[in-house]
Amino acid sequence: MSITPAVPATPGPVSEPCERPSAGDEAVALMRHLLKFGYLRAVRLIENGSWSIRVSDTTPVLTLPDTAAALDYAVAVLSLAYGPLDTPKAVA
């Protein structure tokens, strides 16, 4: 009778480090977050790389020229919504 170990003696293959998402993927993820939680009404990525954003039904459409501007806009909206993360809490 032979006993086989539950864990293999040699480790499995080492996976490659995860690739960072592209700026476009990050912008899409942030815009989806803003849509999901009601900070934006509509977002459209146009074929030429620009973005159209509507904040509410009564506001005009904002056009951002590229993905970098869309990322800047999303970060600004989130920072206004959540506030700075390093603000110390008041001691009661």
PDB file of N, CA and C in Angstrom:
ATOM      1  N   MET A   1       0.837  -1.161   0.000  1.00  0.00           N
ATOM      2  CA  MET A   1       0.000   0.000   0.000  1.00  0.00           C
ATOM      3  C   MET A   1       0.891   1.236   0.000  1.00  0.00           C
ATOM      4  N   SER A   2       0.614   2.161  -0.908  1.00  0.00           N
ATOM      5  CA  SER A   2       1.402   3.393  -0.963  1.00  0.00           C
ATOM      6  C   SER A   2       0.528   4.579  -0.570  1.00  0.00           C
ATOM      7  N   ILE A   3       1.167   5.542   0.035  1.00  0.00           N
ATOM      8  CA  ILE A   3       0.457   6.758   0.454  1.00  0.00           C
ATOM      9  C   ILE A   3       0.883   7.881  -0.479  1.00  0.00           C
ATOM     10  N   THR A   4      -0.085   8.523  -1.061  1.00  0.00           N
ATOM     11  CA  THR A   4       0.228   9.656  -1.943  1.00  0.00           C
ATOM     12  C   THR A   4      -0.001  10.947  -1.174  1.00  0.00           C
ATOM     13  N   PRO A   5       0.911  11.873  -1.287  1.00  0.00           N
ATOM     14  CA  PRO A   5       0.745  13.132  -0.556  1.00  0.00           C
ATOM     15  C   PRO A   5      -0.439  13.933  -1.109  1.00  0.00           C
ATOM     16  N   ALA A   6      -1.113  14.637  -0.228  1.00  0.00           N
ATOM     17  CA  ALA A   6      -2.260  15.461  -0.638  1.00  0.00           C
ATOM     18  C   ALA A   6      -1.798  16.685  -1.418  1.00  0.00           C
ATOM     19  N   VAL A   7      -0.611  17.166  -1.092  1.00  0.00           N
ATOM     20  CA  VAL A   7      -0.066  18.341  -1.770  1.00  0.00           C
ATOM     21  C   VAL A   7       1.053  17.873  -2.680  1.00  0.00           C
ATOM     22  N   PRO A   8       1.072  18.274  -3.936  1.00  0.00           N
ATOM     23  CA  PRO A   8       2.167  17.843  -4.806  1.00  0.00           C
ATOM     24  C   PRO A   8       3.509  18.358  -4.291  1.00  0.00           C
ATOM     25  N   ALA A   9       4.549  17.565  -4.520  1.00  0.00           N
ATOM     26  CA  ALA A   9       5.882  17.917  -4.033  1.00  0.00           C
ATOM     27  C   ALA A   9       6.451  19.132  -4.752  1.00  0.00           C
ATOM     28  N   THR A  10       6.126  19.299  -6.017  1.00  0.00           N
ATOM     29  CA  THR A  10       6.641  20.450  -6.761  1.00  0.00           C
ATOM     30  C   THR A  10       5.536  21.488  -6.904  1.00  0.00           C
ATOM     31  N   PRO A  11       5.859  22.736  -6.709  1.00  0.00           N
ATOM     32  CA  PRO A  11       4.824  23.764  -6.845  1.00  0.00           C
ATOM     33  C   PRO A  11       4.367  23.880  -8.289  1.00  0.00           C
ATOM     34  N   GLY A  12       3.160  24.379  -8.461  1.00  0.00           N
ATOM     35  CA  GLY A  12       2.608  24.575  -9.797  1.00  0.00           C
ATOM     36  C   GLY A  12       3.285  25.739 -10.494  1.00  0.00           C
ATOM     37  N   PRO A  13       2.895  25.990 -11.713  1.00  0.00           N
ATOM     38  CA  PRO A  13       3.514  27.091 -12.455  1.00  0.00           C
ATOM     39  C   PRO A  13       3.219  28.440 -11.799  1.00  0.00           C
ATOM     40  N   VAL A  14       4.183  29.309 -11.866  1.00  0.00           N
ATOM     41  CA  VAL A  14       4.027  30.651 -11.310  1.00  0.00           C
ATOM     42  C   VAL A  14       3.324  31.504 -12.353  1.00  0.00           C
ATOM     43  N   SER A  15       2.258  32.154 -11.934  1.00  0.00           N
ATOM     44  CA  SER A  15       1.524  32.982 -12.894  1.00  0.00           C
ATOM     45  C   SER A  15       2.253  34.306 -13.108  1.00  0.00           C
ATOM     46  N   GLU A  16       2.051  34.855 -14.266  1.00  0.00           N
ATOM     47  CA  GLU A  16       2.652  36.146 -14.600  1.00  0.00           C
ATOM     48  C   GLU A  16       1.955  37.245 -13.803  1.00  0.00           C
ATOM     49  N   PRO A  17       2.648  38.338 -13.521  1.00  0.00           N
ATOM     50  CA  PRO A  17       1.996  39.437 -12.817  1.00  0.00           C
ATOM     51  C   PRO A  17       0.838  39.983 -13.651  1.00  0.00           C
ATOM     52  N   CYS A  18      -0.175  40.448 -12.977  1.00  0.00           N
ATOM     53  CA  CYS A  18      -1.345  40.989 -13.669  1.00  0.00           C
ATOM     54  C   CYS A  18      -0.965  42.268 -14.405  1.00  0.00           C
ATOM     55  N   GLU A  19      -1.534  42.415 -15.580  1.00  0.00           N
ATOM     56  CA  GLU A  19      -1.292  43.639 -16.333  1.00  0.00           C
ATOM     57  C   GLU A  19      -2.183  44.744 -15.785  1.00  0.00           C
ATOM     58  N   ARG A  20      -1.656  45.952 -15.787  1.00  0.00           N
ATOM     59  CA  ARG A  20      -2.454  47.096 -15.357  1.00  0.00           C
ATOM     60  C   ARG A  20      -3.501  47.394 -16.412  1.00  0.00           C
ATOM     61  N   PRO A  21      -4.700  47.777 -15.988  1.00  0.00           N
ATOM     62  CA  PRO A  21      -5.703  48.139 -16.981  1.00  0.00           C
ATOM     63  C   PRO A  21      -5.292  49.420 -17.702  1.00  0.00           C
ATOM     64  N   SER A  22      -5.736  49.539 -18.918  1.00  0.00           N
ATOM     65  CA  SER A  22      -5.413  50.742 -19.686  1.00  0.00           C
ATOM     66  C   SER A  22      -6.210  51.922 -19.144  1.00  0.00           C
ATOM     67  N   ALA A  23      -5.809  53.110 -19.534  1.00  0.00           N
ATOM     68  CA  ALA A  23      -6.518  54.315 -19.098  1.00  0.00           C
ATOM     69  C   ALA A  23      -7.960  54.279 -19.575  1.00  0.00           C
ATOM     70  N   GLY A  24      -8.183  53.739 -20.766  1.00  0.00           N
ATOM     71  CA  GLY A  24      -9.544  53.636 -21.284  1.00  0.00           C
ATOM     72  C   GLY A  24     -10.407  52.718 -20.440  1.00  0.00           C
ATOM     73  N   ASP A  25      -9.831  51.583 -20.004  1.00  0.00           N
ATOM     74  CA  ASP A  25     -10.570  50.653 -19.148  1.00  0.00           C
ATOM     75  C   ASP A  25     -10.885  51.285 -17.797  1.00  0.00           C
ATOM     76  N   GLU A  26      -9.930  52.027 -17.250  1.00  0.00           N
ATOM     77  CA  GLU A  26     -10.159  52.700 -15.974  1.00  0.00           C
ATOM     78  C   GLU A  26     -11.233  53.769 -16.108  1.00  0.00           C
ATOM     79  N   ALA A  27     -11.203  54.514 -17.210  1.00  0.00           N
ATOM     80  CA  ALA A  27     -12.211  55.552 -17.430  1.00  0.00           C
ATOM     81  C   ALA A  27     -13.599  54.936 -17.554  1.00  0.00           C
ATOM     82  N   VAL A  28     -13.709  53.836 -18.285  1.00  0.00           N
ATOM     83  CA  VAL A  28     -15.005  53.166 -18.436  1.00  0.00           C
ATOM     84  C   VAL A  28     -15.503  52.675 -17.079  1.00  0.00           C
ATOM     85  N   ALA A  29     -14.625  52.091 -16.277  1.00  0.00           N
ATOM     86  CA  ALA A  29     -15.024  51.592 -14.959  1.00  0.00           C
ATOM     87  C   ALA A  29     -15.485  52.728 -14.052  1.00  0.00           C
ATOM     88  N   LEU A  30     -14.762  53.843 -14.064  1.00  0.00           N
ATOM     89  CA  LEU A  30     -15.164  54.982 -13.236  1.00  0.00           C
ATOM     90  C   LEU A  30     -16.482  55.580 -13.708  1.00  0.00           C
ATOM     91  N   MET A  31     -16.673  55.685 -15.009  1.00  0.00           N
ATOM     92  CA  MET A  31     -17.929  56.232 -15.531  1.00  0.00           C
ATOM     93  C   MET A  31     -19.102  55.316 -15.185  1.00  0.00           C
ATOM     94  N   ARG A  32     -18.890  54.004 -15.247  1.00  0.00           N
ATOM     95  CA  ARG A  32     -19.952  53.071 -14.844  1.00  0.00           C
ATOM     96  C   ARG A  32     -20.301  53.251 -13.373  1.00  0.00           C
ATOM     97  N   HIS A  33     -19.297  53.465 -12.544  1.00  0.00           N
ATOM     98  CA  HIS A  33     -19.530  53.716 -11.118  1.00  0.00           C
ATOM     99  C   HIS A  33     -20.360  54.986 -10.938  1.00  0.00           C
ATOM    100  N   LEU A  34     -19.984  56.049 -11.648  1.00  0.00           N
ATOM    101  CA  LEU A  34     -20.717  57.307 -11.531  1.00  0.00           C
ATOM    102  C   LEU A  34     -22.155  57.161 -12.016  1.00  0.00           C
ATOM    103  N   LEU A  35     -22.369  56.384 -13.068  1.00  0.00           N
ATOM    104  CA  LEU A  35     -23.731  56.129 -13.554  1.00  0.00           C
ATOM    105  C   LEU A  35     -24.530  55.307 -12.546  1.00  0.00           C
ATOM    106  N   LYS A  36     -23.905  54.268 -12.027  1.00  0.00           N
ATOM    107  CA  LYS A  36     -24.590  53.355 -11.111  1.00  0.00           C
ATOM    108  C   LYS A  36     -25.092  54.071  -9.865  1.00  0.00           C
ATOM    109  N   PHE A  37     -24.293  54.986  -9.341  1.00  0.00           N
ATOM    110  CA  PHE A  37     -24.653  55.654  -8.104  1.00  0.00           C
ATOM    111  C   PHE A  37     -25.295  57.023  -8.319  1.00  0.00           C
ATOM    112  N   GLY A  38     -25.673  57.326  -9.556  1.00  0.00           N
ATOM    113  CA  GLY A  38     -26.486  58.501  -9.831  1.00  0.00           C
ATOM    114  C   GLY A  38     -25.756  59.820  -9.962  1.00  0.00           C
ATOM    115  N   TYR A  39     -24.448  59.809 -10.087  1.00  0.00           N
ATOM    116  CA  TYR A  39     -23.716  61.061 -10.255  1.00  0.00           C
ATOM    117  C   TYR A  39     -23.800  61.577 -11.685  1.00  0.00           C
ATOM    118  N   LEU A  40     -24.074  60.684 -12.634  1.00  0.00           N
ATOM    119  CA  LEU A  40     -24.236  61.055 -14.036  1.00  0.00           C
ATOM    120  C   LEU A  40     -25.522  60.440 -14.559  1.00  0.00           C
ATOM    121  N   ARG A  41     -26.085  61.082 -15.584  1.00  0.00           N
ATOM    122  CA  ARG A  41     -27.301  60.551 -16.211  1.00  0.00           C
ATOM    123  C   ARG A  41     -26.960  59.689 -17.429  1.00  0.00           C
ATOM    124  N   ALA A  42     -25.992  60.128 -18.234  1.00  0.00           N
ATOM    125  CA  ALA A  42     -25.622  59.384 -19.443  1.00  0.00           C
ATOM    126  C   ALA A  42     -24.171  59.660 -19.793  1.00  0.00           C
ATOM    127  N   VAL A  43     -23.507  58.643 -20.328  1.00  0.00           N
ATOM    128  CA  VAL A  43     -22.116  58.763 -20.780  1.00  0.00           C
ATOM    129  C   VAL A  43     -21.986  58.010 -22.094  1.00  0.00           C
ATOM    130  N   ARG A  44     -21.273  58.612 -23.026  1.00  0.00           N
ATOM    131  CA  ARG A  44     -21.045  57.938 -24.308  1.00  0.00           C
ATOM    132  C   ARG A  44     -19.598  58.156 -24.725  1.00  0.00           C
ATOM    133  N   LEU A  45     -18.926  57.074 -25.062  1.00  0.00           N
ATOM    134  CA  LEU A  45     -17.583  57.133 -25.630  1.00  0.00           C
ATOM    135  C   LEU A  45     -17.744  57.166 -27.141  1.00  0.00           C
ATOM    136  N   ILE A  46     -17.279  58.230 -27.757  1.00  0.00           N
ATOM    137  CA  ILE A  46     -17.449  58.428 -29.191  1.00  0.00           C
ATOM    138  C   ILE A  46     -16.259  57.803 -29.920  1.00  0.00           C
ATOM    139  N   GLU A  47     -16.467  57.437 -31.182  1.00  0.00           N
ATOM    140  CA  GLU A  47     -15.446  56.725 -31.959  1.00  0.00           C
ATOM    141  C   GLU A  47     -14.112  57.455 -32.035  1.00  0.00           C
ATOM    142  N   ASN A  48     -14.122  58.769 -32.049  1.00  0.00           N
ATOM    143  CA  ASN A  48     -12.868  59.511 -32.176  1.00  0.00           C
ATOM    144  C   ASN A  48     -12.116  59.623 -30.846  1.00  0.00           C
ATOM    145  N   GLY A  49     -12.624  58.985 -29.786  1.00  0.00           N
ATOM    146  CA  GLY A  49     -11.942  58.988 -28.499  1.00  0.00           C
ATOM    147  C   GLY A  49     -12.452  60.027 -27.523  1.00  0.00           C
ATOM    148  N   SER A  50     -13.374  60.880 -27.958  1.00  0.00           N
ATOM    149  CA  SER A  50     -13.927  61.870 -27.038  1.00  0.00           C
ATOM    150  C   SER A  50     -15.105  61.262 -26.267  1.00  0.00           C
ATOM    151  N   TRP A  51     -15.533  61.954 -25.236  1.00  0.00           N
ATOM    152  CA  TRP A  51     -16.609  61.480 -24.368  1.00  0.00           C
ATOM    153  C   TRP A  51     -17.709  62.529 -24.315  1.00  0.00           C
ATOM    154  N   SER A  52     -18.965  62.090 -24.328  1.00  0.00           N
ATOM    155  CA  SER A  52     -20.117  62.962 -24.097  1.00  0.00           C
ATOM    156  C   SER A  52     -20.738  62.560 -22.773  1.00  0.00           C
ATOM    157  N   ILE A  53     -20.972  63.550 -21.917  1.00  0.00           N
ATOM    158  CA  ILE A  53     -21.473  63.283 -20.568  1.00  0.00           C
ATOM    159  C   ILE A  53     -22.664  64.186 -20.300  1.00  0.00           C
ATOM    160  N   ARG A  54     -23.724  63.609 -19.760  1.00  0.00           N
ATOM    161  CA  ARG A  54     -24.871  64.393 -19.298  1.00  0.00           C
ATOM    162  C   ARG A  54     -25.013  64.133 -17.804  1.00  0.00           C
ATOM    163  N   VAL A  55     -24.961  65.209 -17.025  1.00  0.00           N
ATOM    164  CA  VAL A  55     -25.029  65.085 -15.575  1.00  0.00           C
ATOM    165  C   VAL A  55     -26.467  64.843 -15.126  1.00  0.00           C
ATOM    166  N   SER A  56     -27.409  65.581 -15.699  1.00  0.00           N
ATOM    167  CA  SER A  56     -28.828  65.372 -15.400  1.00  0.00           C
ATOM    168  C   SER A  56     -29.636  65.687 -16.648  1.00  0.00           C
ATOM    169  N   ASP A  57     -30.943  65.463 -16.576  1.00  0.00           N
ATOM    170  CA  ASP A  57     -31.791  65.682 -17.746  1.00  0.00           C
ATOM    171  C   ASP A  57     -31.856  67.146 -18.157  1.00  0.00           C
ATOM    172  N   THR A  58     -31.622  68.053 -17.241  1.00  0.00           N
ATOM    173  CA  THR A  58     -31.761  69.481 -17.542  1.00  0.00           C
ATOM    174  C   THR A  58     -30.441  70.178 -17.838  1.00  0.00           C
ATOM    175  N   THR A  59     -29.329  69.479 -17.728  1.00  0.00           N
ATOM    176  CA  THR A  59     -28.032  70.108 -17.994  1.00  0.00           C
ATOM    177  C   THR A  59     -27.604  69.853 -19.433  1.00  0.00           C
ATOM    178  N   PRO A  60     -26.796  70.756 -19.991  1.00  0.00           N
ATOM    179  CA  PRO A  60     -26.291  70.515 -21.348  1.00  0.00           C
ATOM    180  C   PRO A  60     -25.283  69.360 -21.357  1.00  0.00           C
ATOM    181  N   VAL A  61     -25.047  68.842 -22.541  1.00  0.00           N
ATOM    182  CA  VAL A  61     -24.087  67.751 -22.698  1.00  0.00           C
ATOM    183  C   VAL A  61     -22.675  68.312 -22.630  1.00  0.00           C
ATOM    184  N   LEU A  62     -21.856  67.687 -21.804  1.00  0.00           N
ATOM    185  CA  LEU A  62     -20.442  68.040 -21.685  1.00  0.00           C
ATOM    186  C   LEU A  62     -19.662  67.170 -22.655  1.00  0.00           C
ATOM    187  N   THR A  63     -18.776  67.743 -23.428  1.00  0.00           N
ATOM    188  CA  THR A  63     -17.936  66.953 -24.323  1.00  0.00           C
ATOM    189  C   THR A  63     -16.492  67.061 -23.857  1.00  0.00           C
ATOM    190  N   LEU A  64     -15.899  65.912 -23.573  1.00  0.00           N
ATOM    191  CA  LEU A  64     -14.501  65.859 -23.147  1.00  0.00           C
ATOM    192  C   LEU A  64     -13.670  65.332 -24.305  1.00  0.00           C
ATOM    193  N   PRO A  65     -12.502  65.935 -24.562  1.00  0.00           N
ATOM    194  CA  PRO A  65     -11.759  65.629 -25.787  1.00  0.00           C
ATOM    195  C   PRO A  65     -11.110  64.253 -25.849  1.00  0.00           C
ATOM    196  N   ASP A  66     -10.755  63.679 -24.691  1.00  0.00           N
ATOM    197  CA  ASP A  66     -10.042  62.402 -24.730  1.00  0.00           C
ATOM    198  C   ASP A  66     -10.204  61.653 -23.415  1.00  0.00           C
ATOM    199  N   THR A  67      -9.581  60.492 -23.332  1.00  0.00           N
ATOM    200  CA  THR A  67      -9.695  59.641 -22.152  1.00  0.00           C
ATOM    201  C   THR A  67      -9.046  60.275 -20.930  1.00  0.00           C
ATOM    202  N   ALA A  68      -7.944  60.980 -21.113  1.00  0.00           N
ATOM    203  CA  ALA A  68      -7.285  61.636 -19.975  1.00  0.00           C
ATOM    204  C   ALA A  68      -8.221  62.659 -19.341  1.00  0.00           C
ATOM    205  N   ALA A  69      -8.923  63.417 -20.160  1.00  0.00           N
ATOM    206  CA  ALA A  69      -9.875  64.397 -19.635  1.00  0.00           C
ATOM    207  C   ALA A  69     -11.042  63.696 -18.944  1.00  0.00           C
ATOM    208  N   ALA A  70     -11.476  62.555 -19.478  1.00  0.00           N
ATOM    209  CA  ALA A  70     -12.558  61.797 -18.850  1.00  0.00           C
ATOM    210  C   ALA A  70     -12.130  61.265 -17.482  1.00  0.00           C
ATOM    211  N   LEU A  71     -10.891  60.786 -17.385  1.00  0.00           N
ATOM    212  CA  LEU A  71     -10.375  60.332 -16.089  1.00  0.00           C
ATOM    213  C   LEU A  71     -10.294  61.486 -15.096  1.00  0.00           C
ATOM    214  N   ASP A  72      -9.795  62.624 -15.537  1.00  0.00           N
ATOM    215  CA  ASP A  72      -9.723  63.801 -14.665  1.00  0.00           C
ATOM    216  C   ASP A  72     -11.111  64.197 -14.173  1.00  0.00           C
ATOM    217  N   TYR A  73     -12.086  64.189 -15.076  1.00  0.00           N
ATOM    218  CA  TYR A  73     -13.452  64.554 -14.717  1.00  0.00           C
ATOM    219  C   TYR A  73     -14.017  63.574 -13.686  1.00  0.00           C
ATOM    220  N   ALA A  74     -13.847  62.274 -13.929  1.00  0.00           N
ATOM    221  CA  ALA A  74     -14.380  61.262 -13.015  1.00  0.00           C
ATOM    222  C   ALA A  74     -13.745  61.372 -11.633  1.00  0.00           C
ATOM    223  N   VAL A  75     -12.453  61.588 -11.584  1.00  0.00           N
ATOM    224  CA  VAL A  75     -11.768  61.728 -10.295  1.00  0.00           C
ATOM    225  C   VAL A  75     -12.247  62.980  -9.570  1.00  0.00           C
ATOM    226  N   ALA A  76     -12.453  64.067 -10.300  1.00  0.00           N
ATOM    227  CA  ALA A  76     -12.949  65.300  -9.680  1.00  0.00           C
ATOM    228  C   ALA A  76     -14.352  65.099  -9.112  1.00  0.00           C
ATOM    229  N   VAL A  77     -15.222  64.435  -9.854  1.00  0.00           N
ATOM    230  CA  VAL A  77     -16.584  64.189  -9.367  1.00  0.00           C
ATOM    231  C   VAL A  77     -16.554  63.307  -8.128  1.00  0.00           C
ATOM    232  N   LEU A  78     -15.746  62.256  -8.158  1.00  0.00           N
ATOM    233  CA  LEU A  78     -15.659  61.377  -6.991  1.00  0.00           C
ATOM    234  C   LEU A  78     -15.067  62.089  -5.784  1.00  0.00           C
ATOM    235  N   SER A  79     -14.082  62.947  -5.996  1.00  0.00           N
ATOM    236  CA  SER A  79     -13.488  63.654  -4.858  1.00  0.00           C
ATOM    237  C   SER A  79     -14.474  64.650  -4.266  1.00  0.00           C
ATOM    238  N   LEU A  80     -15.314  65.250  -5.101  1.00  0.00           N
ATOM    239  CA  LEU A  80     -16.344  66.150  -4.576  1.00  0.00           C
ATOM    240  C   LEU A  80     -17.423  65.367  -3.834  1.00  0.00           C
ATOM    241  N   ALA A  81     -17.726  64.176  -4.322  1.00  0.00           N
ATOM    242  CA  ALA A  81     -18.776  63.367  -3.706  1.00  0.00           C
ATOM    243  C   ALA A  81     -18.331  62.782  -2.372  1.00  0.00           C
ATOM    244  N   TYR A  82     -17.112  62.279  -2.313  1.00  0.00           N
ATOM    245  CA  TYR A  82     -16.637  61.590  -1.121  1.00  0.00           C
ATOM    246  C   TYR A  82     -15.758  62.445  -0.226  1.00  0.00           C
ATOM    247  N   GLY A  83     -15.213  63.514  -0.733  1.00  0.00           N
ATOM    248  CA  GLY A  83     -14.331  64.356   0.046  1.00  0.00           C
ATOM    249  C   GLY A  83     -12.930  63.779   0.108  1.00  0.00           C
ATOM    250  N   PRO A  84     -11.995  64.547   0.628  1.00  0.00           N
ATOM    251  CA  PRO A  84     -10.618  64.051   0.717  1.00  0.00           C
ATOM    252  C   PRO A  84     -10.531  62.878   1.692  1.00  0.00           C
ATOM    253  N   LEU A  85      -9.692  61.912   1.345  1.00  0.00           N
ATOM    254  CA  LEU A  85      -9.582  60.709   2.166  1.00  0.00           C
ATOM    255  C   LEU A  85      -8.684  60.899   3.378  1.00  0.00           C
ATOM    256  N   ASP A  86      -7.879  61.947   3.377  1.00  0.00           N
ATOM    257  CA  ASP A  86      -6.950  62.120   4.489  1.00  0.00           C
ATOM    258  C   ASP A  86      -7.453  63.131   5.522  1.00  0.00           C
ATOM    259  N   THR A  87      -8.734  63.477   5.473  1.00  0.00           N
ATOM    260  CA  THR A  87      -9.283  64.414   6.447  1.00  0.00           C
ATOM    261  C   THR A  87      -9.424  63.704   7.791  1.00  0.00           C
ATOM    262  N   PRO A  88      -8.812  64.245   8.842  1.00  0.00           N
ATOM    263  CA  PRO A  88      -8.933  63.580  10.142  1.00  0.00           C
ATOM    264  C   PRO A  88     -10.357  63.702  10.683  1.00  0.00           C
ATOM    265  N   LYS A  89     -10.812  62.663  11.354  1.00  0.00           N
ATOM    266  CA  LYS A  89     -12.141  62.658  11.967  1.00  0.00           C
ATOM    267  C   LYS A  89     -12.109  63.524  13.222  1.00  0.00           C
ATOM    268  N   ALA A  90     -13.209  64.197  13.477  1.00  0.00           N
ATOM    269  CA  ALA A  90     -13.305  65.018  14.683  1.00  0.00           C
ATOM    270  C   ALA A  90     -13.409  64.106  15.904  1.00  0.00           C
ATOM    271  N   VAL A  91     -12.733  64.473  16.957  1.00  0.00           N
ATOM    272  CA  VAL A  91     -12.784  63.694  18.192  1.00  0.00           C
ATOM    273  C   VAL A  91     -13.952  64.199  19.016  1.00  0.00           C
ATOM    274  N   ALA A  92     -14.839  63.281  19.394  1.00  0.00           N
ATOM    275  CA  ALA A  92     -16.036  63.681  20.152  1.00  0.00           C
ATOM    276  C   ALA A  92     -15.748  63.747  21.626  1.00  0.00           C
TER     277      ALA A  92
END
